[in-house]
Amino acid sequence: MQPKPQSRDAFELFQSHFDQLLNPRHELIQLARKIDWERFEAARHYY
């Protein structure tokens, strides 16, 4: 008898989000929070 395949929800229960693995005090993380990313996305769709 084979084990039941687990649903994706059960698998995701133990996964961390990528931003939780990073040091929030790191300079690059702080800089990334200050950048207006929506402006870049809007410009990308414009051209």
N, C-alpha and C. Protein backbone atom coordinates (compact mmCIF):
# COMPACT_ATOMS: atom_id res chain seq x y z
N MET A 1 0.84 -1.18 0.00
CA MET A 1 0.00 0.00 0.00
C MET A 1 0.88 1.24 0.00
N GLN A 2 0.65 2.13 -0.91
CA GLN A 2 1.45 3.34 -1.03
C GLN A 2 0.86 4.44 -0.14
N PRO A 3 1.74 5.35 0.33
CA PRO A 3 1.21 6.46 1.14
C PRO A 3 0.37 7.39 0.29
N LYS A 4 -0.57 8.03 0.95
CA LYS A 4 -1.42 8.98 0.25
C LYS A 4 -0.60 10.20 -0.15
N PRO A 5 -0.81 10.73 -1.35
CA PRO A 5 -0.12 11.98 -1.70
C PRO A 5 -0.70 13.11 -0.85
N GLN A 6 0.21 13.89 -0.26
CA GLN A 6 -0.24 15.00 0.58
C GLN A 6 -0.69 16.15 -0.30
N SER A 7 -1.67 16.86 0.21
CA SER A 7 -2.14 18.02 -0.53
C SER A 7 -1.09 19.12 -0.46
N ARG A 8 -1.17 20.04 -1.36
CA ARG A 8 -0.22 21.15 -1.41
C ARG A 8 -0.30 22.00 -0.15
N ASP A 9 -1.48 22.15 0.44
CA ASP A 9 -1.63 22.93 1.65
C ASP A 9 -0.82 22.35 2.79
N ALA A 10 -0.81 21.05 2.92
CA ALA A 10 -0.03 20.42 3.98
C ALA A 10 1.46 20.63 3.75
N PHE A 11 1.89 20.61 2.52
CA PHE A 11 3.30 20.83 2.21
C PHE A 11 3.70 22.27 2.51
N GLU A 12 2.86 23.23 2.16
CA GLU A 12 3.18 24.64 2.36
C GLU A 12 3.16 25.04 3.83
N LEU A 13 2.56 24.23 4.67
CA LEU A 13 2.49 24.54 6.09
C LEU A 13 3.87 24.70 6.70
N PHE A 14 4.85 23.94 6.21
CA PHE A 14 6.19 23.95 6.79
C PHE A 14 7.19 24.80 6.01
N GLN A 15 6.74 25.47 4.98
CA GLN A 15 7.64 26.31 4.20
C GLN A 15 7.63 27.73 4.74
N SER A 16 8.79 28.34 4.74
CA SER A 16 8.91 29.74 5.15
C SER A 16 8.84 30.63 3.93
N HIS A 17 8.35 31.83 4.14
CA HIS A 17 8.40 32.81 3.07
C HIS A 17 9.84 33.30 2.97
N PHE A 18 10.25 33.63 1.76
CA PHE A 18 11.64 34.02 1.53
C PHE A 18 12.04 35.22 2.38
N ASP A 19 11.15 36.20 2.51
CA ASP A 19 11.49 37.39 3.29
C ASP A 19 11.66 37.10 4.77
N GLN A 20 11.15 35.99 5.25
CA GLN A 20 11.34 35.61 6.65
C GLN A 20 12.74 35.04 6.89
N LEU A 21 13.42 34.65 5.84
CA LEU A 21 14.76 34.09 5.97
C LEU A 21 15.84 35.16 5.95
N LEU A 22 15.48 36.38 5.57
CA LEU A 22 16.44 37.45 5.42
C LEU A 22 16.54 38.29 6.69
N ASN A 23 17.69 38.92 6.86
CA ASN A 23 17.92 39.81 8.00
C ASN A 23 17.28 41.15 7.69
N PRO A 24 16.23 41.55 8.42
CA PRO A 24 15.53 42.81 8.11
C PRO A 24 16.38 44.05 8.37
N ARG A 25 17.48 43.92 9.09
CA ARG A 25 18.34 45.06 9.37
C ARG A 25 19.46 45.24 8.34
N HIS A 26 19.54 44.32 7.39
CA HIS A 26 20.57 44.42 6.36
C HIS A 26 20.29 45.64 5.48
N GLU A 27 21.36 46.30 5.06
CA GLU A 27 21.24 47.55 4.30
C GLU A 27 20.46 47.37 3.00
N LEU A 28 20.68 46.27 2.32
CA LEU A 28 19.99 46.07 1.04
C LEU A 28 18.50 45.80 1.24
N ILE A 29 18.14 45.17 2.33
CA ILE A 29 16.73 44.93 2.62
C ILE A 29 16.05 46.26 2.93
N GLN A 30 16.73 47.09 3.72
CA GLN A 30 16.17 48.40 4.04
C GLN A 30 16.03 49.26 2.79
N LEU A 31 17.00 49.20 1.90
CA LEU A 31 16.94 49.95 0.65
C LEU A 31 15.78 49.45 -0.22
N ALA A 32 15.62 48.15 -0.30
CA ALA A 32 14.55 47.57 -1.13
C ALA A 32 13.17 48.02 -0.65
N ARG A 33 13.02 48.24 0.63
CA ARG A 33 11.74 48.71 1.17
C ARG A 33 11.47 50.16 0.81
N LYS A 34 12.51 50.93 0.50
CA LYS A 34 12.34 52.34 0.18
C LYS A 34 12.08 52.58 -1.31
N ILE A 35 12.35 51.61 -2.14
CA ILE A 35 12.18 51.75 -3.59
C ILE A 35 10.71 51.64 -3.96
N ASP A 36 10.27 52.50 -4.84
CA ASP A 36 8.90 52.48 -5.33
C ASP A 36 8.81 51.46 -6.47
N TRP A 37 8.61 50.19 -6.12
CA TRP A 37 8.63 49.12 -7.11
C TRP A 37 7.45 49.22 -8.07
N GLU A 38 6.34 49.77 -7.64
CA GLU A 38 5.18 49.91 -8.52
C GLU A 38 5.48 50.84 -9.68
N ARG A 39 6.30 51.83 -9.44
CA ARG A 39 6.68 52.75 -10.51
C ARG A 39 7.47 52.02 -11.60
N PHE A 40 8.37 51.12 -11.19
CA PHE A 40 9.12 50.33 -12.16
C PHE A 40 8.20 49.40 -12.94
N GLU A 41 7.25 48.79 -12.26
CA GLU A 41 6.31 47.90 -12.93
C GLU A 41 5.46 48.68 -13.93
N ALA A 42 5.02 49.85 -13.56
CA ALA A 42 4.21 50.68 -14.46
C ALA A 42 5.02 51.07 -15.69
N ALA A 43 6.28 51.43 -15.49
CA ALA A 43 7.13 51.82 -16.61
C ALA A 43 7.41 50.63 -17.52
N ARG A 44 7.53 49.46 -16.96
CA ARG A 44 7.79 48.25 -17.75
C ARG A 44 6.61 47.96 -18.66
N HIS A 45 5.39 48.16 -18.15
CA HIS A 45 4.20 47.90 -18.97
C HIS A 45 3.94 49.02 -19.97
N TYR A 46 4.52 50.16 -19.73
CA TYR A 46 4.33 51.29 -20.63
C TYR A 46 5.07 51.10 -21.94
N TYR A 47 6.27 50.53 -21.88
CA TYR A 47 7.10 50.40 -23.09
C TYR A 47 6.87 49.10 -23.79
